[in-house]
């Protein structure tokens, strides 16, 4: 293109001629191309100065763990994301390989023995965890023996945690029977024999306790053959699925079948069941070394005359139990009538939104019988639709509390004032009031701070959350804190957050990922 002098266009306000306009458009195209090239080089230079390049491999590895939820077992999707992260560059590849925790837990739904073993070997000496979904039954013992699950648990790497999710009850029964039979013939311990923790979750989608051929498999055929472990999780299917068509009392009389020798060695026990009867009490009388207990037991622990002689009030002592969590217990808080826990320091009760008035007295008697008034340091309560009339009196039995969590608990206007006036729970170091009514957003914070200030200067971390919206904008939360009064003088650290940031009870006992994060 013949150069055109554009001086006249740039030094006057006159319209360009046809040739000048053509030259201007051509120049604009060239300048835009140059600008894009410069901007690309600028981004390249800025990227070279990025702080992420200076992060050590160890820090990058920890970031990858956080992003992927390690040490929870990686599913197929998680493994794909890890693969993509490791392919960004050589440094990220090295970071992923050097962070052994990324490879220590695996959900091996369909992996072969070689694939699972290769993956877990990258974890080095870290404890290894495996989640297996048993969704297949074999027609003979050879099929079971040659399955990837059987090979992993008999010939594979040593495992620390194993969680079996059972979609086919016959499949898990075959597997456990096979592993039990070969354990006595092996000269060296197998992975199945050296497990530290085991979870067995028989899903509701199972066809009751029948195998593919309609043969009944009682729970004890599965649970009586488990190896001795320190931590055990058992989730049984709902009675509507497990014993549909049977008589009403059938589930009540079915033995669970966990050996007493296994129960006596447990330090952690998680049990989920809605069958009527005294299954829990039957097992707990053997749990002399138990330290942590979580129960989801939706039906009352009904005690008839014959059972009452076996289980008198306070008849079961759990001498080492330190933490007890009851999920949806309101129909059978009476469970607490039968146990004594002299070393308990943490009690958590997740209600099912039913009135709690009658249960308060049961909890108080349990605390007094166990003589833990001065050692119970943490109490959590969840889902109480209306403040029980005798709620304040519960804290008379908890003078040593250092941590209190109230989530979705409806409190009367004068609750905190009365609590402070009676000088209760004055040793609190951490207070959480979660999912409080938005209508009380200003008053509840004011009352909490006044309650704490009445104790004098004592360190306390306070977290208050409200449903979202409207307590979400940063400015609104800051205004609530600013209006709470002088916090520094009394050493009070107050946080106001969205309810979703502090939800503590969202872990489903049937979801195995708590298994690696407890």
Protein backbone atom coordinates (compact mmCIF):
# COMPACT_ATOMS: atom_id res chain seq x y z
CA UNK A 1 0.00 0.00 0.00
CA UNK A 2 1.34 3.45 -1.00
CA UNK A 3 2.11 5.51 2.13
CA UNK A 4 -0.26 8.40 2.71
CA UNK A 5 0.71 11.51 4.68
CA UNK A 6 -1.74 11.75 7.58
CA UNK A 7 -0.30 14.91 9.14
CA UNK A 8 -3.28 17.01 8.00
CA UNK A 9 -5.75 14.58 9.62
CA UNK A 10 -3.90 14.51 12.95
CA UNK A 11 -3.33 18.31 13.15
CA UNK A 12 -6.82 19.50 12.11
CA UNK A 13 -10.41 18.64 12.77
CA UNK A 14 -11.17 18.11 9.10
CA UNK A 15 -12.75 14.89 7.85
CA UNK A 16 -10.26 12.51 6.19
CA UNK A 17 -10.34 12.03 2.46
CA UNK A 18 -11.08 8.65 0.90
CA UNK A 19 -7.41 7.70 0.63
CA UNK A 20 -6.70 9.02 4.14
CA UNK A 21 -9.61 7.04 5.60
CA UNK A 22 -8.36 3.87 3.92
CA UNK A 23 -4.87 4.44 5.30
CA UNK A 24 -6.24 5.09 8.80
CA UNK A 25 -8.22 1.84 8.83
CA UNK A 26 -5.18 -0.11 7.70
CA UNK A 27 -3.07 1.52 10.40
CA UNK A 28 -5.67 0.68 13.06
CA UNK A 29 -5.54 -3.00 12.09
CA UNK A 30 -1.74 -3.02 12.33
CA UNK A 31 -1.72 -1.19 15.66
CA UNK A 32 -4.33 -3.56 17.13
CA UNK A 33 -2.18 -6.54 16.12
CA UNK A 34 0.87 -4.91 17.70
CA UNK A 35 -1.17 -4.14 20.86
CA UNK A 36 -2.35 -7.76 21.14
CA UNK A 37 1.23 -8.96 20.77
CA UNK A 38 2.42 -6.53 23.43
CA UNK A 39 -0.41 -7.52 25.77
CA UNK A 40 0.43 -11.19 25.29
CA UNK A 41 4.08 -10.51 26.12
CA UNK A 42 2.96 -8.43 29.11
CA UNK A 43 0.84 -11.31 30.44
CA UNK A 44 3.72 -13.68 29.85
CA UNK A 45 6.11 -11.46 31.82
CA UNK A 46 3.59 -10.93 34.60
CA UNK A 47 2.97 -14.68 34.78
CA UNK A 48 6.71 -15.29 35.09
CA UNK A 49 6.67 -13.03 38.16
CA UNK A 50 3.67 -14.87 39.72
CA UNK A 51 4.12 -15.76 43.38
CA UNK A 52 2.81 -19.29 42.75
CA UNK A 53 6.09 -20.09 40.98
CA UNK A 54 7.89 -19.51 44.25
CA UNK A 55 5.67 -21.89 46.24
CA UNK A 56 7.57 -24.97 47.38
CA UNK A 57 6.31 -28.35 46.20
CA UNK A 58 5.23 -29.12 49.79
CA UNK A 59 2.92 -26.08 49.86
CA UNK A 60 1.46 -26.85 46.43
CA UNK A 61 0.81 -30.42 47.55
CA UNK A 62 -1.10 -29.21 50.61
CA UNK A 63 -3.17 -26.91 48.37
CA UNK A 64 -3.99 -29.87 46.12
CA UNK A 65 -5.07 -31.86 49.19
CA UNK A 66 -7.40 -29.08 50.28
CA UNK A 67 -8.87 -28.68 46.79
CA UNK A 68 -9.52 -32.41 46.39
CA UNK A 69 -10.72 -33.07 49.94
CA UNK A 70 -7.88 -35.38 50.97
CA UNK A 71 -7.60 -37.52 53.01
CA UNK A 72 -11.14 -38.49 51.97
CA UNK A 73 -10.93 -41.25 49.33
CA UNK A 74 -10.69 -39.95 45.79
CA UNK A 75 -13.51 -41.03 43.51
CA UNK A 76 -13.14 -41.34 39.74
CA UNK A 77 -13.89 -37.61 39.40
CA UNK A 78 -11.32 -36.72 42.08
CA UNK A 79 -8.70 -38.85 40.38
CA UNK A 80 -9.40 -37.10 37.07
CA UNK A 81 -8.92 -33.70 38.69
CA UNK A 82 -5.66 -34.86 40.25
CA UNK A 83 -4.49 -36.05 36.84
CA UNK A 84 -5.27 -32.64 35.33
CA UNK A 85 -3.47 -30.78 38.11
CA UNK A 86 -0.39 -32.95 37.68
CA UNK A 87 -0.29 -32.19 33.94
CA UNK A 88 -0.15 -28.39 34.26
CA UNK A 89 3.64 -28.36 34.41
CA UNK A 90 6.61 -30.37 35.63
CA UNK A 91 6.60 -28.59 38.99
CA UNK A 92 2.94 -29.39 39.64
CA UNK A 93 3.54 -32.99 38.61
CA UNK A 94 6.35 -33.26 41.16
CA UNK A 95 4.19 -31.56 43.80
CA UNK A 96 1.36 -34.07 43.31
CA UNK A 97 3.72 -37.04 43.56
CA UNK A 98 5.53 -35.70 46.63
CA UNK A 99 2.26 -35.17 48.57
CA UNK A 100 1.68 -38.75 49.69
CA UNK A 101 -1.67 -37.97 51.30
CA UNK A 102 -3.19 -37.52 47.83
CA UNK A 103 -2.55 -41.19 47.14
CA UNK A 104 -3.31 -42.65 50.57
CA UNK A 105 -7.12 -42.97 50.21
CA UNK A 106 -8.99 -44.40 47.27
CA UNK A 107 -12.57 -45.19 46.36
CA UNK A 108 -11.91 -48.20 44.14
CA UNK A 109 -15.34 -48.70 42.64
CA UNK A 110 -14.20 -50.45 39.47
CA UNK A 111 -10.41 -50.47 39.66
CA UNK A 112 -8.42 -53.61 39.05
CA UNK A 113 -6.05 -55.05 41.65
CA UNK A 114 -3.04 -53.68 39.75
CA UNK A 115 -4.54 -50.17 39.37
CA UNK A 116 -5.46 -49.87 43.05
CA UNK A 117 -2.13 -51.25 44.25
CA UNK A 118 -0.13 -48.94 41.98
CA UNK A 119 -2.10 -45.94 43.24
CA UNK A 120 -1.70 -46.74 46.94
CA UNK A 121 2.03 -47.46 46.61
CA UNK A 122 2.53 -43.75 45.85
CA UNK A 123 1.41 -43.00 49.42
CA UNK A 124 4.74 -44.27 50.73
CA UNK A 125 4.60 -45.15 54.42
CA UNK A 126 1.37 -43.26 55.17
CA UNK A 127 -1.61 -45.28 56.50
CA UNK A 128 -3.73 -46.36 53.56
CA UNK A 129 -7.51 -46.28 53.24
CA UNK A 130 -9.84 -47.98 50.80
CA UNK A 131 -13.53 -47.64 50.05
CA UNK A 132 -15.07 -50.57 48.16
CA UNK A 133 -18.60 -50.81 46.80
CA UNK A 134 -19.82 -54.41 46.82
CA UNK A 135 -22.35 -54.41 43.99
CA UNK A 136 -21.79 -57.92 42.63
CA UNK A 137 -22.36 -61.51 43.75
CA UNK A 138 -20.47 -64.50 42.39
CA UNK A 139 -22.01 -67.86 41.65
CA UNK A 140 -19.17 -69.79 43.33
CA UNK A 141 -16.32 -69.34 45.80
CA UNK A 142 -13.72 -69.19 43.00
CA UNK A 143 -15.38 -66.08 41.61
CA UNK A 144 -15.21 -64.42 45.00
CA UNK A 145 -11.60 -65.49 45.60
CA UNK A 146 -10.48 -64.05 42.26
CA UNK A 147 -12.34 -60.76 42.61
CA UNK A 148 -10.28 -57.54 42.91
CA UNK A 149 -11.66 -56.93 46.42
CA UNK A 150 -10.58 -60.36 47.68
CA UNK A 151 -7.11 -60.02 46.16
CA UNK A 152 -6.64 -56.55 47.64
CA UNK A 153 -7.63 -57.72 51.12
CA UNK A 154 -5.65 -60.96 51.02
CA UNK A 155 -2.56 -60.20 48.92
CA UNK A 156 -2.47 -56.41 48.61
CA UNK A 157 -0.77 -53.65 50.58
CA UNK A 158 -1.36 -53.25 54.30
CA UNK A 159 -4.46 -51.12 54.95
CA UNK A 160 -5.33 -48.93 57.90
CA UNK A 161 -8.98 -48.15 57.04
CA UNK A 162 -11.51 -50.13 55.02
CA UNK A 163 -15.08 -49.08 54.29
CA UNK A 164 -17.38 -51.58 52.54
CA UNK A 165 -20.56 -50.21 51.01
CA UNK A 166 -22.89 -53.08 50.31
CA UNK A 167 -25.39 -52.99 47.46
CA UNK A 168 -25.51 -56.79 47.34
CA UNK A 169 -25.58 -58.37 50.78
CA UNK A 170 -24.66 -61.74 49.31
CA UNK A 171 -21.51 -60.24 47.80
CA UNK A 172 -20.16 -58.86 51.07
CA UNK A 173 -21.13 -62.09 52.89
CA UNK A 174 -19.18 -64.15 50.33
CA UNK A 175 -16.17 -61.84 50.61
CA UNK A 176 -16.00 -61.83 54.41
CA UNK A 177 -16.50 -65.60 54.61
CA UNK A 178 -13.70 -66.18 52.11
CA UNK A 179 -11.31 -63.82 53.94
CA UNK A 180 -12.14 -65.44 57.26
CA UNK A 181 -11.42 -68.92 55.89
CA UNK A 182 -8.03 -68.06 54.40
CA UNK A 183 -6.88 -66.03 57.44
CA UNK A 184 -6.23 -69.21 59.42
CA UNK A 185 -4.18 -70.76 56.63
CA UNK A 186 -1.80 -67.88 56.01
CA UNK A 187 1.67 -67.80 57.56
CA UNK A 188 1.84 -64.00 57.45
CA UNK A 189 -0.86 -61.42 58.32
CA UNK A 190 -3.04 -60.32 55.45
CA UNK A 191 -4.42 -56.77 54.97
CA UNK A 192 -7.83 -57.98 56.20
CA UNK A 193 -6.32 -59.25 59.46
CA UNK A 194 -4.37 -56.07 60.29
CA UNK A 195 -7.05 -53.43 59.70
CA UNK A 196 -7.23 -50.69 62.33
CA UNK A 197 -10.71 -49.51 61.38
CA UNK A 198 -13.55 -51.09 59.43
CA UNK A 199 -16.87 -49.78 58.16
CA UNK A 200 -19.71 -51.91 56.80
CA UNK A 201 -22.67 -50.06 55.32
CA UNK A 202 -25.57 -52.22 54.12
CA UNK A 203 -27.64 -49.86 52.01
CA UNK A 204 -31.41 -49.62 51.97
CA UNK A 205 -31.41 -50.49 48.28
CA UNK A 206 -30.38 -54.04 49.15
CA UNK A 207 -33.10 -56.65 48.74
CA UNK A 208 -33.48 -57.05 52.49
CA UNK A 209 -31.00 -59.65 53.80
CA UNK A 210 -31.63 -61.93 50.84
CA UNK A 211 -28.99 -62.77 48.28
CA UNK A 212 -29.55 -62.91 44.53
CA UNK A 213 -31.11 -66.36 44.87
CA UNK A 214 -33.57 -65.36 47.59
CA UNK A 215 -31.66 -67.05 50.42
CA UNK A 216 -31.83 -65.26 53.77
CA UNK A 217 -28.47 -64.07 55.15
CA UNK A 218 -28.76 -62.95 58.79
CA UNK A 219 -26.56 -60.03 59.92
CA UNK A 220 -24.45 -62.30 62.14
CA UNK A 221 -23.31 -64.28 59.06
CA UNK A 222 -21.56 -61.08 58.00
CA UNK A 223 -20.61 -59.40 61.27
CA UNK A 224 -19.54 -62.46 63.27
CA UNK A 225 -16.53 -62.98 60.98
CA UNK A 226 -15.03 -59.49 61.06
CA UNK A 227 -11.44 -59.15 62.33
CA UNK A 228 -10.50 -57.40 65.58
CA UNK A 229 -10.26 -53.66 64.91
CA UNK A 230 -9.97 -50.50 67.00
CA UNK A 231 -12.67 -48.56 65.16
CA UNK A 232 -15.89 -50.06 63.77
CA UNK A 233 -18.77 -48.53 61.83
CA UNK A 234 -21.93 -50.56 61.18
CA UNK A 235 -24.87 -49.09 59.26
CA UNK A 236 -27.82 -51.47 58.95
CA UNK A 237 -30.66 -50.97 56.47
CA UNK A 238 -34.00 -49.63 57.57
CA UNK A 239 -36.30 -52.27 59.02
CA UNK A 240 -38.84 -51.48 56.26
CA UNK A 241 -36.30 -52.73 53.72
CA UNK A 242 -34.55 -55.38 55.77
CA UNK A 243 -37.60 -57.25 57.00
CA UNK A 244 -40.44 -56.22 54.75
CA UNK A 245 -43.23 -58.74 55.03
CA UNK A 246 -41.98 -60.24 58.30
CA UNK A 247 -43.73 -59.97 61.64
CA UNK A 248 -43.46 -56.67 63.51
CA UNK A 249 -41.14 -57.99 66.23
CA UNK A 250 -38.86 -59.94 63.90
CA UNK A 251 -36.13 -57.28 63.67
CA UNK A 252 -36.20 -56.92 67.45
CA UNK A 253 -35.15 -60.53 67.96
CA UNK A 254 -32.48 -60.74 65.24
CA UNK A 255 -28.94 -60.91 66.71
CA UNK A 256 -26.48 -58.41 65.29
CA UNK A 257 -23.70 -60.93 65.79
CA UNK A 258 -20.58 -58.80 66.38
CA UNK A 259 -18.28 -60.98 68.52
CA UNK A 260 -17.70 -59.89 72.10
CA UNK A 261 -13.94 -60.14 71.54
CA UNK A 262 -14.21 -57.53 68.77
CA UNK A 263 -16.45 -55.25 70.83
CA UNK A 264 -14.15 -55.40 73.84
CA UNK A 265 -11.21 -54.18 71.75
CA UNK A 266 -12.99 -51.19 70.20
CA UNK A 267 -12.03 -47.62 71.04
CA UNK A 268 -14.45 -46.09 68.48
CA UNK A 269 -17.90 -47.45 67.60
CA UNK A 270 -20.44 -45.91 65.20
CA UNK A 271 -23.77 -47.69 64.89
CA UNK A 272 -26.76 -46.76 62.72
CA UNK A 273 -29.98 -48.75 63.07
CA UNK A 274 -33.73 -48.21 63.42
CA UNK A 275 -34.64 -51.70 64.61
CA UNK A 276 -36.56 -51.93 67.85
CA UNK A 277 -35.07 -53.71 70.82
CA UNK A 278 -31.95 -53.63 72.93
CA UNK A 279 -29.35 -54.31 70.23
CA UNK A 280 -27.25 -51.33 71.34
CA UNK A 281 -27.30 -52.30 75.01
CA UNK A 282 -26.48 -55.90 74.12
CA UNK A 283 -23.33 -54.76 72.38
CA UNK A 284 -22.27 -51.99 74.76
CA UNK A 285 -22.01 -54.33 77.72
CA UNK A 286 -18.91 -55.76 76.00
CA UNK A 287 -17.36 -52.39 75.04
CA UNK A 288 -15.17 -51.92 78.08
CA UNK A 289 -12.43 -50.03 76.22
CA UNK A 290 -14.67 -47.74 74.18
CA UNK A 291 -13.61 -44.07 74.01
CA UNK A 292 -15.85 -42.63 71.27
CA UNK A 293 -19.45 -43.61 70.54
CA UNK A 294 -21.85 -42.31 67.88
CA UNK A 295 -25.39 -43.71 67.72
CA UNK A 296 -28.11 -43.13 65.17
CA UNK A 297 -30.92 -45.19 66.62
CA UNK A 298 -34.33 -44.01 65.52
CA UNK A 299 -36.59 -46.33 67.51
CA UNK A 300 -37.09 -46.38 71.27
CA UNK A 301 -34.90 -48.67 73.32
CA UNK A 302 -37.96 -50.46 74.58
CA UNK A 303 -37.24 -52.56 77.65
CA UNK A 304 -39.72 -55.27 78.53
CA UNK A 305 -39.85 -57.11 81.89
CA UNK A 306 -37.33 -59.81 80.95
CA UNK A 307 -34.93 -57.27 79.47
CA UNK A 308 -35.32 -55.01 82.49
CA UNK A 309 -33.67 -57.66 84.63
CA UNK A 310 -30.70 -57.80 82.24
CA UNK A 311 -30.35 -54.03 81.93
CA UNK A 312 -31.20 -52.21 85.16
CA UNK A 313 -30.71 -48.42 85.25
CA UNK A 314 -27.01 -47.64 85.32
CA UNK A 315 -26.20 -51.28 84.73
CA UNK A 316 -23.70 -50.74 81.88
CA UNK A 317 -20.48 -48.95 82.74
CA UNK A 318 -18.29 -47.59 79.94
CA UNK A 319 -15.23 -46.71 82.00
CA UNK A 320 -13.16 -45.11 79.22
CA UNK A 321 -15.83 -43.37 77.14
CA UNK A 322 -14.81 -39.76 76.46
CA UNK A 323 -17.25 -38.63 73.76
CA UNK A 324 -20.86 -39.60 73.12
CA UNK A 325 -22.98 -38.41 70.20
CA UNK A 326 -26.67 -39.26 69.82
CA UNK A 327 -28.37 -38.55 66.50
CA UNK A 328 -32.16 -38.08 66.46
CA UNK A 329 -32.47 -39.52 69.96
CA UNK A 330 -35.60 -37.85 71.35
CA UNK A 331 -37.79 -40.98 71.40
CA UNK A 332 -35.11 -42.89 73.28
CA UNK A 333 -32.93 -40.55 75.30
CA UNK A 334 -33.92 -43.22 77.82
CA UNK A 335 -30.83 -44.98 76.44
CA UNK A 336 -28.87 -42.76 78.85
CA UNK A 337 -30.73 -44.37 81.75
CA UNK A 338 -28.81 -47.61 81.32
CA UNK A 339 -25.22 -46.39 81.01
CA UNK A 340 -22.62 -44.84 83.31
CA UNK A 341 -19.68 -42.93 81.78
CA UNK A 342 -17.33 -41.68 84.51
CA UNK A 343 -14.76 -40.19 82.06
CA UNK A 344 -17.11 -38.52 79.56
CA UNK A 345 -16.00 -35.01 78.57
CA UNK A 346 -17.99 -34.45 75.34
CA UNK A 347 -21.75 -34.92 74.89
CA UNK A 348 -23.56 -34.16 71.62
CA UNK A 349 -27.28 -34.54 71.04
CA UNK A 350 -28.87 -34.01 67.64
CA UNK A 351 -32.59 -33.78 68.21
CA UNK A 352 -35.25 -34.36 65.53
CA UNK A 353 -37.13 -31.10 66.15
CA UNK A 354 -39.43 -32.72 68.71
CA UNK A 355 -40.00 -31.22 72.21
CA UNK A 356 -37.14 -31.92 74.56
CA UNK A 357 -38.78 -31.15 77.93
CA UNK A 358 -39.05 -34.76 79.12
CA UNK A 359 -35.48 -35.53 78.08
CA UNK A 360 -33.84 -32.76 80.14
CA UNK A 361 -34.39 -34.63 83.41
CA UNK A 362 -33.01 -37.84 81.87
CA UNK A 363 -29.85 -36.04 80.75
CA UNK A 364 -29.37 -34.44 84.17
CA UNK A 365 -29.78 -37.76 85.99
CA UNK A 366 -27.31 -39.37 83.56
CA UNK A 367 -24.72 -36.67 84.32
CA UNK A 368 -25.23 -36.99 88.07
CA UNK A 369 -25.13 -40.81 88.02
CA UNK A 370 -21.90 -40.75 86.01
CA UNK A 371 -20.48 -38.08 88.35
CA UNK A 372 -19.19 -35.97 85.46
CA UNK A 373 -20.51 -32.57 86.57
CA UNK A 374 -16.96 -31.27 86.97
CA UNK A 375 -15.38 -33.07 83.99
CA UNK A 376 -17.94 -32.61 81.19
CA UNK A 377 -16.29 -29.85 79.16
CA UNK A 378 -18.12 -29.84 75.82
CA UNK A 379 -21.86 -29.94 75.06
CA UNK A 380 -23.54 -29.67 71.64
CA UNK A 381 -27.27 -29.51 71.04
CA UNK A 382 -28.95 -29.39 67.63
CA UNK A 383 -32.54 -28.99 66.43
CA UNK A 384 -34.73 -27.87 69.33
CA UNK A 385 -37.87 -26.07 68.08
CA UNK A 386 -38.84 -24.56 71.43
CA UNK A 387 -36.81 -23.90 74.56
CA UNK A 388 -37.75 -26.52 77.16
CA UNK A 389 -39.24 -25.10 80.34
CA UNK A 390 -36.45 -26.65 82.41
CA UNK A 391 -33.64 -25.89 79.96
CA UNK A 392 -31.72 -23.51 82.24
CA UNK A 393 -31.57 -26.17 84.95
CA UNK A 394 -29.63 -28.46 82.58
CA UNK A 395 -26.62 -26.16 82.90
CA UNK A 396 -26.66 -26.55 86.67
CA UNK A 397 -25.23 -30.01 85.92
CA UNK A 398 -22.49 -28.62 83.64
CA UNK A 399 -20.49 -26.09 85.65
CA UNK A 400 -17.19 -27.10 83.98
CA UNK A 401 -18.24 -26.47 80.36
CA UNK A 402 -15.55 -24.82 78.26
CA UNK A 403 -17.29 -25.33 74.91
CA UNK A 404 -21.00 -24.93 74.13
CA UNK A 405 -22.63 -25.25 70.72
CA UNK A 406 -26.33 -24.54 70.16
CA UNK A 407 -27.43 -25.05 66.56
CA UNK A 408 -30.99 -24.43 65.40
CA UNK A 409 -32.04 -24.12 69.04
CA UNK A 410 -34.91 -21.74 69.71
CA UNK A 411 -34.14 -19.67 72.82
CA UNK A 412 -36.43 -17.44 74.81
CA UNK A 413 -35.71 -13.73 75.06
CA UNK A 414 -34.30 -13.88 78.59
CA UNK A 415 -32.24 -17.06 78.25
CA UNK A 416 -28.77 -15.49 78.35
CA UNK A 417 -29.75 -12.99 81.06
CA UNK A 418 -31.06 -15.78 83.30
CA UNK A 419 -28.01 -17.92 82.62
CA UNK A 420 -25.74 -15.06 83.63
CA UNK A 421 -27.79 -14.10 86.67
CA UNK A 422 -27.55 -17.66 87.98
CA UNK A 423 -23.81 -17.60 87.25
CA UNK A 424 -23.83 -20.78 85.19
CA UNK A 425 -21.16 -22.06 82.73
CA UNK A 426 -18.75 -19.27 83.64
CA UNK A 427 -15.70 -21.16 82.31
CA UNK A 428 -16.67 -21.02 78.62
CA UNK A 429 -13.76 -20.63 76.22
CA UNK A 430 -15.71 -21.28 73.03
CA UNK A 431 -19.38 -20.50 72.33
CA UNK A 432 -21.21 -21.23 69.07
CA UNK A 433 -24.79 -20.11 68.48
CA UNK A 434 -25.55 -21.29 64.97
CA UNK A 435 -28.51 -20.77 62.64
CA UNK A 436 -30.13 -18.31 65.05
CA UNK A 437 -33.36 -16.56 63.96
CA UNK A 438 -32.64 -13.50 61.81
CA UNK A 439 -35.29 -11.52 63.70
CA UNK A 440 -33.08 -11.77 66.81
CA UNK A 441 -29.85 -10.79 65.03
CA UNK A 442 -29.16 -7.64 67.06
CA UNK A 443 -30.64 -8.67 70.40
CA UNK A 444 -29.09 -12.12 70.57
CA UNK A 445 -25.55 -10.80 70.03
CA UNK A 446 -26.14 -8.07 72.61
CA UNK A 447 -27.41 -10.60 75.15
CA UNK A 448 -24.54 -13.05 74.52
CA UNK A 449 -21.93 -10.32 74.99
CA UNK A 450 -23.61 -9.07 78.18
CA UNK A 451 -23.66 -12.64 79.51
CA UNK A 452 -19.92 -13.02 78.84
CA UNK A 453 -19.04 -9.57 80.17
CA UNK A 454 -20.73 -10.42 83.47
CA UNK A 455 -17.97 -13.00 84.04
CA UNK A 456 -15.26 -10.34 83.93
CA UNK A 457 -12.25 -10.52 81.64
CA UNK A 458 -12.06 -14.12 80.40
CA UNK A 459 -10.97 -15.25 76.96
CA UNK A 460 -13.87 -16.56 74.82
CA UNK A 461 -14.18 -17.21 71.08
CA UNK A 462 -17.77 -16.60 69.97
CA UNK A 463 -19.30 -17.59 66.63
CA UNK A 464 -22.86 -16.56 65.73
CA UNK A 465 -24.48 -17.48 62.44
CA UNK A 466 -27.79 -16.61 60.82
CA UNK A 467 -29.53 -18.11 57.82
CA UNK A 468 -28.52 -16.56 54.53
CA UNK A 469 -29.96 -14.11 53.54
CA UNK A 470 -29.97 -11.46 54.92
CA UNK A 471 -26.93 -11.66 57.21
CA UNK A 472 -24.36 -12.04 54.48
CA UNK A 473 -22.91 -8.68 53.38
CA UNK A 474 -19.61 -7.92 55.06
CA UNK A 475 -20.76 -4.43 56.10
CA UNK A 476 -23.86 -5.77 57.84
CA UNK A 477 -21.89 -8.33 59.79
CA UNK A 478 -19.37 -5.68 60.81
CA UNK A 479 -22.17 -3.43 62.03
CA UNK A 480 -23.50 -6.22 64.25
CA UNK A 481 -20.05 -6.70 65.78
CA UNK A 482 -19.52 -2.95 66.20
CA UNK A 483 -22.83 -2.66 68.04
CA UNK A 484 -21.94 -5.42 70.49
CA UNK A 485 -19.99 -3.13 72.81
CA UNK A 486 -16.42 -3.26 74.10
CA UNK A 487 -15.13 -6.72 73.21
CA UNK A 488 -11.38 -6.26 73.59
CA UNK A 489 -11.68 -5.14 77.20
CA UNK A 490 -13.28 -8.50 78.08
CA UNK A 491 -11.10 -10.56 75.67
CA UNK A 492 -14.07 -11.63 73.53
CA UNK A 493 -13.40 -12.63 69.91
CA UNK A 494 -16.73 -12.38 68.06
CA UNK A 495 -17.42 -13.68 64.55
CA UNK A 496 -20.72 -13.25 62.71
CA UNK A 497 -20.95 -15.51 59.65
CA UNK A 498 -23.38 -17.13 57.28
CA UNK A 499 -25.02 -20.32 58.51
CA UNK A 500 -23.50 -22.28 55.61
CA UNK A 501 -19.99 -21.43 56.86
CA UNK A 502 -20.51 -23.06 60.26
CA UNK A 503 -22.84 -25.98 59.64
CA UNK A 504 -21.50 -28.69 61.97
CA UNK A 505 -24.09 -31.40 61.56
CA UNK A 506 -24.15 -31.92 57.83
CA UNK A 507 -22.13 -35.14 58.02
CA UNK A 508 -24.35 -38.05 57.23
CA UNK A 509 -23.45 -41.09 59.30
CA UNK A 510 -24.06 -43.17 56.16
CA UNK A 511 -21.55 -41.12 54.16
CA UNK A 512 -18.16 -42.79 54.53
CA UNK A 513 -16.12 -39.62 54.13
CA UNK A 514 -16.46 -38.78 57.85
CA UNK A 515 -14.53 -42.03 58.31
CA UNK A 516 -11.27 -40.40 57.22
CA UNK A 517 -11.89 -36.97 58.79
CA UNK A 518 -13.00 -37.78 62.29
